[in-house]
Amino acid sequence: MDFMKAVNEADPKLKDLHKKTRHERGIHEEHTFCVLGRYDMVTIWHAPDFKTMGDYLEELHTLCGPELGATETLVATSKGEPSDDS
């Protein structure tokens, strides 16, 4: 099973737990890149805060188990708003 299929199939179960889908919780996939080297795929998510995203990833791993594959979470955040002045 591929990663996004596992995520999409877990969403109804998570809605049963929280009465909200991941999107209603403010969690959105922004971009996914297939890459060469150490990582096969990099997915950029947007979430309202670290706790919401962390809770979601924990729940996702619990529901999907090995179907999700091996993952490593790296956290990055932006500072301020982008500008055209650069």
C-alpha atoms as a PDB file:
ATOM      1  CA  MET A   1       0.000   0.000   0.000  1.00  0.00           C
ATOM      2  CA  ASP A   2       1.388   3.421  -0.813  1.00  0.00           C
ATOM      3  CA  PHE A   3       1.717   6.178   1.751  1.00  0.00           C
ATOM      4  CA  MET A   4      -1.119   8.462   0.613  1.00  0.00           C
ATOM      5  CA  LYS A   5      -3.484   5.510   0.181  1.00  0.00           C
ATOM      6  CA  ALA A   6      -2.785   4.537   3.810  1.00  0.00           C
ATOM      7  CA  VAL A   7      -3.356   8.149   4.893  1.00  0.00           C
ATOM      8  CA  ASN A   8      -6.647   8.382   2.987  1.00  0.00           C
ATOM      9  CA  GLU A   9      -7.905   5.048   4.319  1.00  0.00           C
ATOM     10  CA  ALA A  10      -7.049   6.065   7.898  1.00  0.00           C
ATOM     11  CA  ASP A  11      -8.997   9.332   7.636  1.00  0.00           C
ATOM     12  CA  PRO A  12     -12.503   7.875   8.268  1.00  0.00           C
ATOM     13  CA  LYS A  13     -11.197   6.021  11.340  1.00  0.00           C
ATOM     14  CA  LEU A  14      -9.584   9.212  12.652  1.00  0.00           C
ATOM     15  CA  LYS A  15     -12.831  11.098  12.040  1.00  0.00           C
ATOM     16  CA  ASP A  16     -14.606   8.536  14.232  1.00  0.00           C
ATOM     17  CA  LEU A  17     -12.079   9.305  17.007  1.00  0.00           C
ATOM     18  CA  HIS A  18     -12.058  13.098  16.706  1.00  0.00           C
ATOM     19  CA  LYS A  19     -15.313  13.907  14.901  1.00  0.00           C
ATOM     20  CA  LYS A  20     -13.105  15.718  12.348  1.00  0.00           C
ATOM     21  CA  THR A  21     -11.066  14.716   9.301  1.00  0.00           C
ATOM     22  CA  ARG A  22      -7.418  15.685   9.072  1.00  0.00           C
ATOM     23  CA  HIS A  23      -8.420  18.621   6.887  1.00  0.00           C
ATOM     24  CA  GLU A  24     -10.985  19.779   9.448  1.00  0.00           C
ATOM     25  CA  ARG A  25      -8.195  19.594  12.056  1.00  0.00           C
ATOM     26  CA  GLY A  26      -6.139  21.968   9.874  1.00  0.00           C
ATOM     27  CA  ILE A  27      -3.719  19.342   8.522  1.00  0.00           C
ATOM     28  CA  HIS A  28      -3.063  19.524   4.789  1.00  0.00           C
ATOM     29  CA  GLU A  29      -0.537  17.921   2.469  1.00  0.00           C
ATOM     30  CA  GLU A  30       1.169  20.785   0.652  1.00  0.00           C
ATOM     31  CA  HIS A  31       3.649  18.949  -1.596  1.00  0.00           C
ATOM     32  CA  THR A  32       5.104  15.492  -2.069  1.00  0.00           C
ATOM     33  CA  PHE A  33       8.406  14.916  -3.815  1.00  0.00           C
ATOM     34  CA  CYS A  34       9.983  11.623  -4.894  1.00  0.00           C
ATOM     35  CA  VAL A  35      13.702  11.925  -4.252  1.00  0.00           C
ATOM     36  CA  LEU A  36      16.901   9.939  -4.686  1.00  0.00           C
ATOM     37  CA  GLY A  37      19.258   9.125  -1.868  1.00  0.00           C
ATOM     38  CA  ARG A  38      18.490   8.520   1.801  1.00  0.00           C
ATOM     39  CA  TYR A  39      14.782   9.308   1.453  1.00  0.00           C
ATOM     40  CA  ASP A  40      12.348   7.918  -1.124  1.00  0.00           C
ATOM     41  CA  MET A  41       9.756  10.595  -0.599  1.00  0.00           C
ATOM     42  CA  VAL A  42       9.476  13.957   1.137  1.00  0.00           C
ATOM     43  CA  THR A  43       6.006  15.222   2.061  1.00  0.00           C
ATOM     44  CA  ILE A  44       5.450  18.773   3.229  1.00  0.00           C
ATOM     45  CA  TRP A  45       2.453  19.145   5.515  1.00  0.00           C
ATOM     46  CA  HIS A  46       0.809  22.257   6.911  1.00  0.00           C
ATOM     47  CA  ALA A  47      -0.688  22.062  10.412  1.00  0.00           C
ATOM     48  CA  PRO A  48      -1.835  24.665  12.922  1.00  0.00           C
ATOM     49  CA  ASP A  49       0.882  23.675  15.418  1.00  0.00           C
ATOM     50  CA  PHE A  50       3.448  20.991  16.266  1.00  0.00           C
ATOM     51  CA  LYS A  51       1.184  19.212  18.767  1.00  0.00           C
ATOM     52  CA  THR A  52      -1.672  18.778  16.281  1.00  0.00           C
ATOM     53  CA  MET A  53       0.688  17.380  13.654  1.00  0.00           C
ATOM     54  CA  GLY A  54       2.535  15.170  16.142  1.00  0.00           C
ATOM     55  CA  ASP A  55      -0.708  13.733  17.492  1.00  0.00           C
ATOM     56  CA  TYR A  56      -1.903  13.081  13.946  1.00  0.00           C
ATOM     57  CA  LEU A  57       1.302  11.265  12.949  1.00  0.00           C
ATOM     58  CA  GLU A  58       1.167   9.102  16.096  1.00  0.00           C
ATOM     59  CA  GLU A  59      -2.450   8.178  15.400  1.00  0.00           C
ATOM     60  CA  LEU A  60      -1.655   7.484  11.757  1.00  0.00           C
ATOM     61  CA  HIS A  61       1.204   5.134  12.652  1.00  0.00           C
ATOM     62  CA  THR A  62      -0.998   3.345  15.198  1.00  0.00           C
ATOM     63  CA  LEU A  63      -3.774   2.801  12.642  1.00  0.00           C
ATOM     64  CA  CYS A  64      -1.605   1.906   9.658  1.00  0.00           C
ATOM     65  CA  GLY A  65       1.265   0.068  11.327  1.00  0.00           C
ATOM     66  CA  PRO A  66       3.657  -1.513   8.812  1.00  0.00           C
ATOM     67  CA  GLU A  67       1.363  -0.502   5.938  1.00  0.00           C
ATOM     68  CA  LEU A  68       2.699   3.033   6.344  1.00  0.00           C
ATOM     69  CA  GLY A  69       6.282   1.904   5.884  1.00  0.00           C
ATOM     70  CA  ALA A  70       9.330   3.192   7.706  1.00  0.00           C
ATOM     71  CA  THR A  71       9.216   6.933   8.248  1.00  0.00           C
ATOM     72  CA  GLU A  72      11.357   9.622   9.783  1.00  0.00           C
ATOM     73  CA  THR A  73       9.831  12.922  10.792  1.00  0.00           C
ATOM     74  CA  LEU A  74      11.854  16.094  10.417  1.00  0.00           C
ATOM     75  CA  VAL A  75      10.369  19.368  11.602  1.00  0.00           C
ATOM     76  CA  ALA A  76      10.813  22.711   9.894  1.00  0.00           C
ATOM     77  CA  THR A  77       8.971  25.949  10.392  1.00  0.00           C
ATOM     78  CA  SER A  78       8.886  29.263   8.617  1.00  0.00           C
ATOM     79  CA  LYS A  79       9.615  32.535  10.311  1.00  0.00           C
ATOM     80  CA  GLY A  80       7.382  35.372   9.244  1.00  0.00           C
ATOM     81  CA  GLU A  81       5.725  35.821   5.889  1.00  0.00           C
ATOM     82  CA  PRO A  82       7.509  35.500   2.524  1.00  0.00           C
ATOM     83  CA  SER A  83       8.228  38.764   0.788  1.00  0.00           C
ATOM     84  CA  ASP A  84       9.215  39.895  -2.686  1.00  0.00           C
ATOM     85  CA  ASP A  85      11.982  42.111  -1.215  1.00  0.00           C
ATOM     86  CA  SER A  86      14.647  39.387  -1.241  1.00  0.00           C
END
